[in-house]
Amino acid sequence: MSWADVKEYLDYLRTDQVMERLQNSNIGDLTTNPWFYAGFAAVILITYFMNWKKISAFIVGIGGFVLALSMAIGKGTGVEGIESGGIWIMVGGGVLVIGLFIYILFIKAE
């Protein structure tokens, strides 16, 4: 692997390119899709009731982050996202997801 390959890979991870890929993949539309919510809830409930607490907590963490990111991108990125409340959705969603993750994984131990 040459230095040019490493530099090309790191350019792929630049924030502006990541945000452009997220907007192109229409991740902001997940908050309006009821099938996403139903599938997400069904997988969490199945894993939770089968006593797979760690897998359930992992799915809650990843899915909650995707949902919070989807809602924040739906509000807009950049300055217009901050003005319309996108940053508060990210912060509040992150706190909620982390709290639920900690509750399922550590506090709700049987």
PDB file of N, CA and C in Angstrom:
ATOM      1  N   MET A   1       0.852  -1.166   0.000  1.00  0.00           N
ATOM      2  CA  MET A   1       0.000   0.000   0.000  1.00  0.00           C
ATOM      3  C   MET A   1       0.902   1.234   0.000  1.00  0.00           C
ATOM      4  N   SER A   2       0.715   2.073  -0.974  1.00  0.00           N
ATOM      5  CA  SER A   2       1.552   3.258  -1.099  1.00  0.00           C
ATOM      6  C   SER A   2       0.923   4.438  -0.354  1.00  0.00           C
ATOM      7  N   TRP A   3       1.701   5.499  -0.235  1.00  0.00           N
ATOM      8  CA  TRP A   3       1.229   6.702   0.441  1.00  0.00           C
ATOM      9  C   TRP A   3       0.055   7.329  -0.300  1.00  0.00           C
ATOM     10  N   ALA A   4       0.044   7.229  -1.626  1.00  0.00           N
ATOM     11  CA  ALA A   4      -1.058   7.789  -2.416  1.00  0.00           C
ATOM     12  C   ALA A   4      -2.365   7.054  -2.118  1.00  0.00           C
ATOM     13  N   ASP A   5      -2.284   5.732  -1.930  1.00  0.00           N
ATOM     14  CA  ASP A   5      -3.484   4.962  -1.584  1.00  0.00           C
ATOM     15  C   ASP A   5      -4.023   5.355  -0.209  1.00  0.00           C
ATOM     16  N   VAL A   6      -3.119   5.562   0.740  1.00  0.00           N
ATOM     17  CA  VAL A   6      -3.522   5.978   2.083  1.00  0.00           C
ATOM     18  C   VAL A   6      -4.167   7.354   2.034  1.00  0.00           C
ATOM     19  N   LYS A   7      -3.556   8.261   1.289  1.00  0.00           N
ATOM     20  CA  LYS A   7      -4.098   9.615   1.179  1.00  0.00           C
ATOM     21  C   LYS A   7      -5.467   9.613   0.495  1.00  0.00           C
ATOM     22  N   GLU A   8      -5.636   8.771  -0.541  1.00  0.00           N
ATOM     23  CA  GLU A   8      -6.937   8.670  -1.215  1.00  0.00           C
ATOM     24  C   GLU A   8      -7.999   8.124  -0.262  1.00  0.00           C
ATOM     25  N   TYR A   9      -7.627   7.136   0.558  1.00  0.00           N
ATOM     26  CA  TYR A   9      -8.564   6.580   1.532  1.00  0.00           C
ATOM     27  C   TYR A   9      -8.948   7.615   2.576  1.00  0.00           C
ATOM     28  N   LEU A  10      -7.991   8.392   3.056  1.00  0.00           N
ATOM     29  CA  LEU A  10      -8.283   9.418   4.057  1.00  0.00           C
ATOM     30  C   LEU A  10      -9.116  10.550   3.469  1.00  0.00           C
ATOM     31  N   ASP A  11      -8.928  10.856   2.188  1.00  0.00           N
ATOM     32  CA  ASP A  11      -9.775  11.860   1.539  1.00  0.00           C
ATOM     33  C   ASP A  11     -11.226  11.390   1.463  1.00  0.00           C
ATOM     34  N   TYR A  12     -11.411  10.085   1.374  1.00  0.00           N
ATOM     35  CA  TYR A  12     -12.754   9.510   1.327  1.00  0.00           C
ATOM     36  C   TYR A  12     -13.497   9.735   2.650  1.00  0.00           C
ATOM     37  N   LEU A  13     -12.770   9.937   3.748  1.00  0.00           N
ATOM     38  CA  LEU A  13     -13.366  10.117   5.064  1.00  0.00           C
ATOM     39  C   LEU A  13     -13.513  11.578   5.475  1.00  0.00           C
ATOM     40  N   ARG A  14     -13.262  12.506   4.570  1.00  0.00           N
ATOM     41  CA  ARG A  14     -13.434  13.928   4.901  1.00  0.00           C
ATOM     42  C   ARG A  14     -14.892  14.215   5.224  1.00  0.00           C
ATOM     43  N   THR A  15     -15.113  15.130   6.146  1.00  0.00           N
ATOM     44  CA  THR A  15     -16.455  15.408   6.636  1.00  0.00           C
ATOM     45  C   THR A  15     -17.396  15.856   5.534  1.00  0.00           C
ATOM     46  N   ASP A  16     -16.948  16.716   4.643  1.00  0.00           N
ATOM     47  CA  ASP A  16     -17.832  17.192   3.580  1.00  0.00           C
ATOM     48  C   ASP A  16     -18.230  16.058   2.643  1.00  0.00           C
ATOM     49  N   GLN A  17     -17.325  15.120   2.382  1.00  0.00           N
ATOM     50  CA  GLN A  17     -17.675  13.992   1.520  1.00  0.00           C
ATOM     51  C   GLN A  17     -18.597  13.006   2.227  1.00  0.00           C
ATOM     52  N   VAL A  18     -18.386  12.810   3.527  1.00  0.00           N
ATOM     53  CA  VAL A  18     -19.267  11.917   4.281  1.00  0.00           C
ATOM     54  C   VAL A  18     -20.686  12.480   4.320  1.00  0.00           C
ATOM     55  N   MET A  19     -20.822  13.789   4.575  1.00  0.00           N
ATOM     56  CA  MET A  19     -22.145  14.412   4.619  1.00  0.00           C
ATOM     57  C   MET A  19     -22.816  14.368   3.238  1.00  0.00           C
ATOM     58  N   GLU A  20     -22.034  14.528   2.189  1.00  0.00           N
ATOM     59  CA  GLU A  20     -22.593  14.454   0.839  1.00  0.00           C
ATOM     60  C   GLU A  20     -23.111  13.048   0.545  1.00  0.00           C
ATOM     61  N   ARG A  21     -22.364  12.021   0.950  1.00  0.00           N
ATOM     62  CA  ARG A  21     -22.819  10.640   0.736  1.00  0.00           C
ATOM     63  C   ARG A  21     -24.071  10.341   1.549  1.00  0.00           C
ATOM     64  N   LEU A  22     -24.139  10.859   2.785  1.00  0.00           N
ATOM     65  CA  LEU A  22     -25.334  10.638   3.598  1.00  0.00           C
ATOM     66  C   LEU A  22     -26.556  11.310   2.985  1.00  0.00           C
ATOM     67  N   GLN A  23     -26.387  12.510   2.448  1.00  0.00           N
ATOM     68  CA  GLN A  23     -27.512  13.195   1.822  1.00  0.00           C
ATOM     69  C   GLN A  23     -27.917  12.513   0.523  1.00  0.00           C
ATOM     70  N   ASN A  24     -26.955  11.989  -0.221  1.00  0.00           N
ATOM     71  CA  ASN A  24     -27.269  11.297  -1.472  1.00  0.00           C
ATOM     72  C   ASN A  24     -27.977   9.973  -1.228  1.00  0.00           C
ATOM     73  N   SER A  25     -27.728   9.348  -0.090  1.00  0.00           N
ATOM     74  CA  SER A  25     -28.381   8.070   0.203  1.00  0.00           C
ATOM     75  C   SER A  25     -29.754   8.252   0.837  1.00  0.00           C
ATOM     76  N   ASN A  26     -30.208   9.485   0.961  1.00  0.00           N
ATOM     77  CA  ASN A  26     -31.543   9.811   1.493  1.00  0.00           C
ATOM     78  C   ASN A  26     -31.756   9.251   2.893  1.00  0.00           C
ATOM     79  N   ILE A  27     -30.742   9.338   3.737  1.00  0.00           N
ATOM     80  CA  ILE A  27     -30.880   8.867   5.117  1.00  0.00           C
ATOM     81  C   ILE A  27     -31.873   9.739   5.888  1.00  0.00           C
ATOM     82  N   GLY A  28     -32.103  10.957   5.429  1.00  0.00           N
ATOM     83  CA  GLY A  28     -33.073  11.835   6.073  1.00  0.00           C
ATOM     84  C   GLY A  28     -34.508  11.363   5.915  1.00  0.00           C
ATOM     85  N   ASP A  29     -34.762  10.445   4.970  1.00  0.00           N
ATOM     86  CA  ASP A  29     -36.110   9.938   4.735  1.00  0.00           C
ATOM     87  C   ASP A  29     -36.491   8.783   5.649  1.00  0.00           C
ATOM     88  N   LEU A  30     -35.552   8.286   6.450  1.00  0.00           N
ATOM     89  CA  LEU A  30     -35.869   7.163   7.332  1.00  0.00           C
ATOM     90  C   LEU A  30     -36.886   7.538   8.398  1.00  0.00           C
ATOM     91  N   THR A  31     -36.920   8.804   8.792  1.00  0.00           N
ATOM     92  CA  THR A  31     -37.848   9.201   9.851  1.00  0.00           C
ATOM     93  C   THR A  31     -39.287   9.224   9.373  1.00  0.00           C
ATOM     94  N   THR A  32     -39.517   9.166   8.085  1.00  0.00           N
ATOM     95  CA  THR A  32     -40.884   9.150   7.561  1.00  0.00           C
ATOM     96  C   THR A  32     -41.307   7.767   7.096  1.00  0.00           C
ATOM     97  N   ASN A  33     -40.443   6.775   7.246  1.00  0.00           N
ATOM     98  CA  ASN A  33     -40.736   5.432   6.771  1.00  0.00           C
ATOM     99  C   ASN A  33     -41.238   4.568   7.932  1.00  0.00           C
ATOM    100  N   PRO A  34     -42.538   4.211   7.936  1.00  0.00           N
ATOM    101  CA  PRO A  34     -43.060   3.404   9.046  1.00  0.00           C
ATOM    102  C   PRO A  34     -42.506   1.980   9.064  1.00  0.00           C
ATOM    103  N   TRP A  35     -42.092   1.461   7.918  1.00  0.00           N
ATOM    104  CA  TRP A  35     -41.528   0.113   7.874  1.00  0.00           C
ATOM    105  C   TRP A  35     -40.176   0.060   8.575  1.00  0.00           C
ATOM    106  N   PHE A  36     -39.434   1.149   8.535  1.00  0.00           N
ATOM    107  CA  PHE A  36     -38.164   1.207   9.250  1.00  0.00           C
ATOM    108  C   PHE A  36     -38.406   1.118  10.754  1.00  0.00           C
ATOM    109  N   TYR A  37     -39.374   1.882  11.241  1.00  0.00           N
ATOM    110  CA  TYR A  37     -39.707   1.844  12.668  1.00  0.00           C
ATOM    111  C   TYR A  37     -40.194   0.465  13.093  1.00  0.00           C
ATOM    112  N   ALA A  38     -41.072  -0.127  12.291  1.00  0.00           N
ATOM    113  CA  ALA A  38     -41.625  -1.436  12.636  1.00  0.00           C
ATOM    114  C   ALA A  38     -40.548  -2.513  12.633  1.00  0.00           C
ATOM    115  N   GLY A  39     -39.702  -2.524  11.632  1.00  0.00           N
ATOM    116  CA  GLY A  39     -38.625  -3.512  11.570  1.00  0.00           C
ATOM    117  C   GLY A  39     -37.622  -3.338  12.693  1.00  0.00           C
ATOM    118  N   PHE A  40     -37.300  -2.097  12.972  1.00  0.00           N
ATOM    119  CA  PHE A  40     -36.368  -1.775  14.051  1.00  0.00           C
ATOM    120  C   PHE A  40     -36.927  -2.254  15.386  1.00  0.00           C
ATOM    121  N   ALA A  41     -38.191  -1.943  15.666  1.00  0.00           N
ATOM    122  CA  ALA A  41     -38.816  -2.350  16.932  1.00  0.00           C
ATOM    123  C   ALA A  41     -38.954  -3.870  17.024  1.00  0.00           C
ATOM    124  N   ALA A  42     -39.298  -4.519  15.918  1.00  0.00           N
ATOM    125  CA  ALA A  42     -39.462  -5.976  15.929  1.00  0.00           C
ATOM    126  C   ALA A  42     -38.139  -6.679  16.234  1.00  0.00           C
ATOM    127  N   VAL A  43     -37.068  -6.240  15.612  1.00  0.00           N
ATOM    128  CA  VAL A  43     -35.766  -6.865  15.863  1.00  0.00           C
ATOM    129  C   VAL A  43     -35.333  -6.650  17.307  1.00  0.00           C
ATOM    130  N   ILE A  44     -35.554  -5.464  17.840  1.00  0.00           N
ATOM    131  CA  ILE A  44     -35.188  -5.198  19.229  1.00  0.00           C
ATOM    132  C   ILE A  44     -36.004  -6.068  20.177  1.00  0.00           C
ATOM    133  N   LEU A  45     -37.303  -6.157  19.964  1.00  0.00           N
ATOM    134  CA  LEU A  45     -38.143  -6.968  20.843  1.00  0.00           C
ATOM    135  C   LEU A  45     -37.799  -8.452  20.761  1.00  0.00           C
ATOM    136  N   ILE A  46     -37.536  -8.948  19.560  1.00  0.00           N
ATOM    137  CA  ILE A  46     -37.182 -10.366  19.411  1.00  0.00           C
ATOM    138  C   ILE A  46     -35.891 -10.676  20.159  1.00  0.00           C
ATOM    139  N   THR A  47     -34.876  -9.847  19.963  1.00  0.00           N
ATOM    140  CA  THR A  47     -33.603 -10.113  20.637  1.00  0.00           C
ATOM    141  C   THR A  47     -33.712  -9.908  22.145  1.00  0.00           C
ATOM    142  N   TYR A  48     -34.532  -8.968  22.568  1.00  0.00           N
ATOM    143  CA  TYR A  48     -34.682  -8.711  24.005  1.00  0.00           C
ATOM    144  C   TYR A  48     -35.397  -9.871  24.697  1.00  0.00           C
ATOM    145  N   PHE A  49     -36.482 -10.369  24.095  1.00  0.00           N
ATOM    146  CA  PHE A  49     -37.241 -11.439  24.726  1.00  0.00           C
ATOM    147  C   PHE A  49     -36.567 -12.803  24.603  1.00  0.00           C
ATOM    148  N   MET A  50     -35.591 -12.933  23.722  1.00  0.00           N
ATOM    149  CA  MET A  50     -34.810 -14.166  23.652  1.00  0.00           C
ATOM    150  C   MET A  50     -33.610 -14.099  24.605  1.00  0.00           C
ATOM    151  N   ASN A  51     -33.593 -13.060  25.450  1.00  0.00           N
ATOM    152  CA  ASN A  51     -32.539 -12.827  26.440  1.00  0.00           C
ATOM    153  C   ASN A  51     -31.163 -12.628  25.813  1.00  0.00           C
ATOM    154  N   TRP A  52     -31.142 -12.040  24.645  1.00  0.00           N
ATOM    155  CA  TRP A  52     -29.897 -11.634  24.017  1.00  0.00           C
ATOM    156  C   TRP A  52     -29.713 -10.153  24.308  1.00  0.00           C
ATOM    157  N   LYS A  53     -29.452  -9.839  25.558  1.00  0.00           N
ATOM    158  CA  LYS A  53     -29.415  -8.446  26.015  1.00  0.00           C
ATOM    159  C   LYS A  53     -28.309  -7.643  25.334  1.00  0.00           C
ATOM    160  N   LYS A  54     -27.153  -8.240  25.144  1.00  0.00           N
ATOM    161  CA  LYS A  54     -26.046  -7.504  24.536  1.00  0.00           C
ATOM    162  C   LYS A  54     -26.331  -7.195  23.070  1.00  0.00           C
ATOM    163  N   ILE A  55     -26.908  -8.142  22.361  1.00  0.00           N
ATOM    164  CA  ILE A  55     -27.257  -7.890  20.954  1.00  0.00           C
ATOM    165  C   ILE A  55     -28.361  -6.849  20.875  1.00  0.00           C
ATOM    166  N   SER A  56     -29.327  -6.950  21.763  1.00  0.00           N
ATOM    167  CA  SER A  56     -30.409  -5.972  21.797  1.00  0.00           C
ATOM    168  C   SER A  56     -29.873  -4.574  22.090  1.00  0.00           C
ATOM    169  N   ALA A  57     -28.967  -4.462  23.047  1.00  0.00           N
ATOM    170  CA  ALA A  57     -28.379  -3.161  23.371  1.00  0.00           C
ATOM    171  C   ALA A  57     -27.565  -2.625  22.205  1.00  0.00           C
ATOM    172  N   PHE A  58     -26.850  -3.497  21.499  1.00  0.00           N
ATOM    173  CA  PHE A  58     -26.086  -3.079  20.333  1.00  0.00           C
ATOM    174  C   PHE A  58     -27.006  -2.555  19.229  1.00  0.00           C
ATOM    175  N   ILE A  59     -28.104  -3.242  18.988  1.00  0.00           N
ATOM    176  CA  ILE A  59     -29.060  -2.810  17.957  1.00  0.00           C
ATOM    177  C   ILE A  59     -29.707  -1.484  18.353  1.00  0.00           C
ATOM    178  N   VAL A  60     -30.040  -1.323  19.623  1.00  0.00           N
ATOM    179  CA  VAL A  60     -30.593  -0.055  20.093  1.00  0.00           C
ATOM    180  C   VAL A  60     -29.585   1.065  19.885  1.00  0.00           C
ATOM    181  N   GLY A  61     -28.331   0.805  20.195  1.00  0.00           N
ATOM    182  CA  GLY A  61     -27.298   1.825  20.037  1.00  0.00           C
ATOM    183  C   GLY A  61     -27.091   2.226  18.585  1.00  0.00           C
ATOM    184  N   ILE A  62     -26.916   1.255  17.716  1.00  0.00           N
ATOM    185  CA  ILE A  62     -26.687   1.544  16.299  1.00  0.00           C
ATOM    186  C   ILE A  62     -27.938   2.124  15.652  1.00  0.00           C
ATOM    187  N   GLY A  63     -29.067   1.497  15.883  1.00  0.00           N
ATOM    188  CA  GLY A  63     -30.315   1.981  15.280  1.00  0.00           C
ATOM    189  C   GLY A  63     -30.717   3.346  15.802  1.00  0.00           C
ATOM    190  N   GLY A  64     -30.528   3.585  17.078  1.00  0.00           N
ATOM    191  CA  GLY A  64     -30.845   4.893  17.639  1.00  0.00           C
ATOM    192  C   GLY A  64     -29.953   5.982  17.083  1.00  0.00           C
ATOM    193  N   PHE A  65     -28.684   5.651  16.888  1.00  0.00           N
ATOM    194  CA  PHE A  65     -27.773   6.623  16.290  1.00  0.00           C
ATOM    195  C   PHE A  65     -28.187   6.929  14.855  1.00  0.00           C
ATOM    196  N   VAL A  66     -28.548   5.910  14.090  1.00  0.00           N
ATOM    197  CA  VAL A  66     -29.004   6.131  12.706  1.00  0.00           C
ATOM    198  C   VAL A  66     -30.263   6.973  12.697  1.00  0.00           C
ATOM    199  N   LEU A  67     -31.172   6.713  13.605  1.00  0.00           N
ATOM    200  CA  LEU A  67     -32.414   7.481  13.667  1.00  0.00           C
ATOM    201  C   LEU A  67     -32.160   8.930  14.048  1.00  0.00           C
ATOM    202  N   ALA A  68     -31.305   9.163  15.045  1.00  0.00           N
ATOM    203  CA  ALA A  68     -30.969  10.540  15.432  1.00  0.00           C
ATOM    204  C   ALA A  68     -30.256  11.261  14.294  1.00  0.00           C
ATOM    205  N   LEU A  69     -29.358  10.570  13.607  1.00  0.00           N
ATOM    206  CA  LEU A  69     -28.663  11.159  12.470  1.00  0.00           C
ATOM    207  C   LEU A  69     -29.632  11.458  11.344  1.00  0.00           C
ATOM    208  N   SER A  70     -30.568  10.576  11.111  1.00  0.00           N
ATOM    209  CA  SER A  70     -31.569  10.793  10.075  1.00  0.00           C
ATOM    210  C   SER A  70     -32.426  12.016  10.369  1.00  0.00           C
ATOM    211  N   MET A  71     -32.830  12.157  11.607  1.00  0.00           N
ATOM    212  CA  MET A  71     -33.647  13.316  11.974  1.00  0.00           C
ATOM    213  C   MET A  71     -32.854  14.612  11.877  1.00  0.00           C
ATOM    214  N   ALA A  72     -31.573  14.571  12.274  1.00  0.00           N
ATOM    215  CA  ALA A  72     -30.739  15.773  12.205  1.00  0.00           C
ATOM    216  C   ALA A  72     -30.466  16.165  10.756  1.00  0.00           C
ATOM    217  N   ILE A  73     -30.204  15.202   9.892  1.00  0.00           N
ATOM    218  CA  ILE A  73     -29.954  15.510   8.482  1.00  0.00           C
ATOM    219  C   ILE A  73     -31.235  15.978   7.816  1.00  0.00           C
ATOM    220  N   GLY A  74     -32.367  15.464   8.259  1.00  0.00           N
ATOM    221  CA  GLY A  74     -33.646  15.939   7.733  1.00  0.00           C
ATOM    222  C   GLY A  74     -33.882  17.413   8.039  1.00  0.00           C
ATOM    223  N   LYS A  75     -33.335  17.895   9.148  1.00  0.00           N
ATOM    224  CA  LYS A  75     -33.447  19.316   9.489  1.00  0.00           C
ATOM    225  C   LYS A  75     -32.489  20.165   8.677  1.00  0.00           C
ATOM    226  N   GLY A  76     -31.435  19.570   8.149  1.00  0.00           N
ATOM    227  CA  GLY A  76     -30.451  20.303   7.367  1.00  0.00           C
ATOM    228  C   GLY A  76     -29.098  20.279   8.043  1.00  0.00           C
ATOM    229  N   THR A  77     -28.061  20.411   7.222  1.00  0.00           N
ATOM    230  CA  THR A  77     -26.715  20.417   7.761  1.00  0.00           C
ATOM    231  C   THR A  77     -26.144  21.819   7.645  1.00  0.00           C
ATOM    232  N   GLY A  78     -25.101  22.062   8.374  1.00  0.00           N
ATOM    233  CA  GLY A  78     -24.474  23.379   8.334  1.00  0.00           C
ATOM    234  C   GLY A  78     -25.206  24.357   9.227  1.00  0.00           C
ATOM    235  N   VAL A  79     -25.123  25.621   8.877  1.00  0.00           N
ATOM    236  CA  VAL A  79     -25.718  26.681   9.693  1.00  0.00           C
ATOM    237  C   VAL A  79     -27.237  26.567   9.730  1.00  0.00           C
ATOM    238  N   GLU A  80     -27.857  26.206   8.596  1.00  0.00           N
ATOM    239  CA  GLU A  80     -29.319  26.101   8.586  1.00  0.00           C
ATOM    240  C   GLU A  80     -29.801  24.968   9.486  1.00  0.00           C
ATOM    241  N   GLY A  81     -28.996  23.909   9.647  1.00  0.00           N
ATOM    242  CA  GLY A  81     -29.361  22.819  10.551  1.00  0.00           C
ATOM    243  C   GLY A  81     -29.292  23.235  12.006  1.00  0.00           C
ATOM    244  N   ILE A  82     -28.325  24.077  12.324  1.00  0.00           N
ATOM    245  CA  ILE A  82     -28.211  24.565  13.702  1.00  0.00           C
ATOM    246  C   ILE A  82     -29.383  25.479  14.023  1.00  0.00           C
ATOM    247  N   GLU A  83     -29.742  26.332  13.085  1.00  0.00           N
ATOM    248  CA  GLU A  83     -30.848  27.264  13.317  1.00  0.00           C
ATOM    249  C   GLU A  83     -32.182  26.549  13.435  1.00  0.00           C
ATOM    250  N   SER A  84     -32.371  25.445  12.712  1.00  0.00           N
ATOM    251  CA  SER A  84     -33.654  24.748  12.762  1.00  0.00           C
ATOM    252  C   SER A  84     -33.703  23.655  13.822  1.00  0.00           C
ATOM    253  N   GLY A  85     -32.682  23.520  14.630  1.00  0.00           N
ATOM    254  CA  GLY A  85     -32.717  22.580  15.753  1.00  0.00           C
ATOM    255  C   GLY A  85     -32.066  21.243  15.494  1.00  0.00           C
ATOM    256  N   GLY A  86     -31.344  21.069  14.409  1.00  0.00           N
ATOM    257  CA  GLY A  86     -30.700  19.796  14.108  1.00  0.00           C
ATOM    258  C   GLY A  86     -29.673  19.386  15.141  1.00  0.00           C
ATOM    259  N   ILE A  87     -28.965  20.368  15.702  1.00  0.00           N
ATOM    260  CA  ILE A  87     -27.941  20.059  16.699  1.00  0.00           C
ATOM    261  C   ILE A  87     -28.571  19.542  17.988  1.00  0.00           C
ATOM    262  N   TRP A  88     -29.742  20.076  18.348  1.00  0.00           N
ATOM    263  CA  TRP A  88     -30.404  19.615  19.571  1.00  0.00           C
ATOM    264  C   TRP A  88     -30.962  18.219  19.396  1.00  0.00           C
ATOM    265  N   ILE A  89     -31.377  17.882  18.184  1.00  0.00           N
ATOM    266  CA  ILE A  89     -31.842  16.523  17.919  1.00  0.00           C
ATOM    267  C   ILE A  89     -30.676  15.551  18.067  1.00  0.00           C
ATOM    268  N   MET A  90     -29.500  15.927  17.549  1.00  0.00           N
ATOM    269  CA  MET A  90     -28.332  15.063  17.650  1.00  0.00           C
ATOM    270  C   MET A  90     -27.918  14.881  19.109  1.00  0.00           C
ATOM    271  N   VAL A  91     -27.886  15.963  19.869  1.00  0.00           N
ATOM    272  CA  VAL A  91     -27.462  15.886  21.270  1.00  0.00           C
ATOM    273  C   VAL A  91     -28.496  15.117  22.097  1.00  0.00           C
ATOM    274  N   GLY A  92     -29.762  15.482  21.966  1.00  0.00           N
ATOM    275  CA  GLY A  92     -30.812  14.801  22.731  1.00  0.00           C
ATOM    276  C   GLY A  92     -30.956  13.346  22.341  1.00  0.00           C
ATOM    277  N   GLY A  93     -30.906  13.058  21.047  1.00  0.00           N
ATOM    278  CA  GLY A  93     -30.979  11.675  20.585  1.00  0.00           C
ATOM    279  C   GLY A  93     -29.795  10.857  21.065  1.00  0.00           C
ATOM    280  N   GLY A  94     -28.614  11.460  21.050  1.00  0.00           N
ATOM    281  CA  GLY A  94     -27.426  10.758  21.534  1.00  0.00           C
ATOM    282  C   GLY A  94     -27.512  10.431  23.009  1.00  0.00           C
ATOM    283  N   VAL A  95     -27.980  11.383  23.796  1.00  0.00           N
ATOM    284  CA  VAL A  95     -28.133  11.144  25.240  1.00  0.00           C
ATOM    285  C   VAL A  95     -29.166  10.049  25.491  1.00  0.00           C
ATOM    286  N   LEU A  96     -30.278  10.089  24.771  1.00  0.00           N
ATOM    287  CA  LEU A  96     -31.314   9.080  24.928  1.00  0.00           C
ATOM    288  C   LEU A  96     -30.820   7.691  24.527  1.00  0.00           C
ATOM    289  N   VAL A  97     -30.130   7.600  23.404  1.00  0.00           N
ATOM    290  CA  VAL A  97     -29.627   6.309  22.930  1.00  0.00           C
ATOM    291  C   VAL A  97     -28.591   5.747  23.889  1.00  0.00           C
ATOM    292  N   ILE A  98     -27.678   6.570  24.355  1.00  0.00           N
ATOM    293  CA  ILE A  98     -26.649   6.092  25.286  1.00  0.00           C
ATOM    294  C   ILE A  98     -27.272   5.677  26.613  1.00  0.00           C
ATOM    295  N   GLY A  99     -28.254   6.451  27.082  1.00  0.00           N
ATOM    296  CA  GLY A  99     -28.947   6.081  28.317  1.00  0.00           C
ATOM    297  C   GLY A  99     -29.672   4.757  28.192  1.00  0.00           C
ATOM    298  N   LEU A 100     -30.369   4.544  27.080  1.00  0.00           N
ATOM    299  CA  LEU A 100     -31.077   3.280  26.864  1.00  0.00           C
ATOM    300  C   LEU A 100     -30.102   2.117  26.716  1.00  0.00           C
ATOM    301  N   PHE A 101     -28.995   2.368  26.022  1.00  0.00           N
ATOM    302  CA  PHE A 101     -27.953   1.348  25.867  1.00  0.00           C
ATOM    303  C   PHE A 101     -27.406   0.922  27.224  1.00  0.00           C
ATOM    304  N   ILE A 102     -27.076   1.879  28.081  1.00  0.00           N
ATOM    305  CA  ILE A 102     -26.543   1.573  29.413  1.00  0.00           C
ATOM    306  C   ILE A 102     -27.589   0.856  30.256  1.00  0.00           C
ATOM    307  N   TYR A 103     -28.845   1.291  30.162  1.00  0.00           N
ATOM    308  CA  TYR A 103     -29.912   0.639  30.938  1.00  0.00           C
ATOM    309  C   TYR A 103     -30.071  -0.819  30.539  1.00  0.00           C
ATOM    310  N   ILE A 104     -30.151  -1.089  29.243  1.00  0.00           N
ATOM    311  CA  ILE A 104     -30.360  -2.468  28.792  1.00  0.00           C
ATOM    312  C   ILE A 104     -29.159  -3.342  29.113  1.00  0.00           C
ATOM    313  N   LEU A 105     -27.981  -2.802  28.901  1.00  0.00           N
ATOM    314  CA  LEU A 105     -26.785  -3.640  29.039  1.00  0.00           C
ATOM    315  C   LEU A 105     -26.355  -3.850  30.488  1.00  0.00           C
ATOM    316  N   PHE A 106     -26.445  -2.818  31.322  1.00  0.00           N
ATOM    317  CA  PHE A 106     -25.886  -2.923  32.664  1.00  0.00           C
ATOM    318  C   PHE A 106     -26.922  -2.913  33.774  1.00  0.00           C
ATOM    319  N   ILE A 107     -27.922  -2.051  33.708  1.00  0.00           N
ATOM    320  CA  ILE A 107     -28.854  -1.900  34.815  1.00  0.00           C
ATOM    321  C   ILE A 107     -29.923  -2.980  34.811  1.00  0.00           C
ATOM    322  N   LYS A 108     -30.438  -3.323  33.657  1.00  0.00           N
ATOM    323  CA  LYS A 108     -31.523  -4.297  33.536  1.00  0.00           C
ATOM    324  C   LYS A 108     -30.997  -5.727  33.553  1.00  0.00           C
ATOM    325  N   ALA A 109     -29.919  -5.997  34.226  1.00  0.00           N
ATOM    326  CA  ALA A 109     -29.360  -7.345  34.318  1.00  0.00           C
ATOM    327  C   ALA A 109     -30.211  -8.181  35.268  1.00  0.00           C
ATOM    328  N   GLU A 110     -30.463  -9.391  34.879  1.00  0.00           N
ATOM    329  CA  GLU A 110     -31.307 -10.272  35.707  1.00  0.00           C
ATOM    330  C   GLU A 110     -30.472 -11.265  36.444  1.00  0.00           C
TER     331      GLU A 110
END
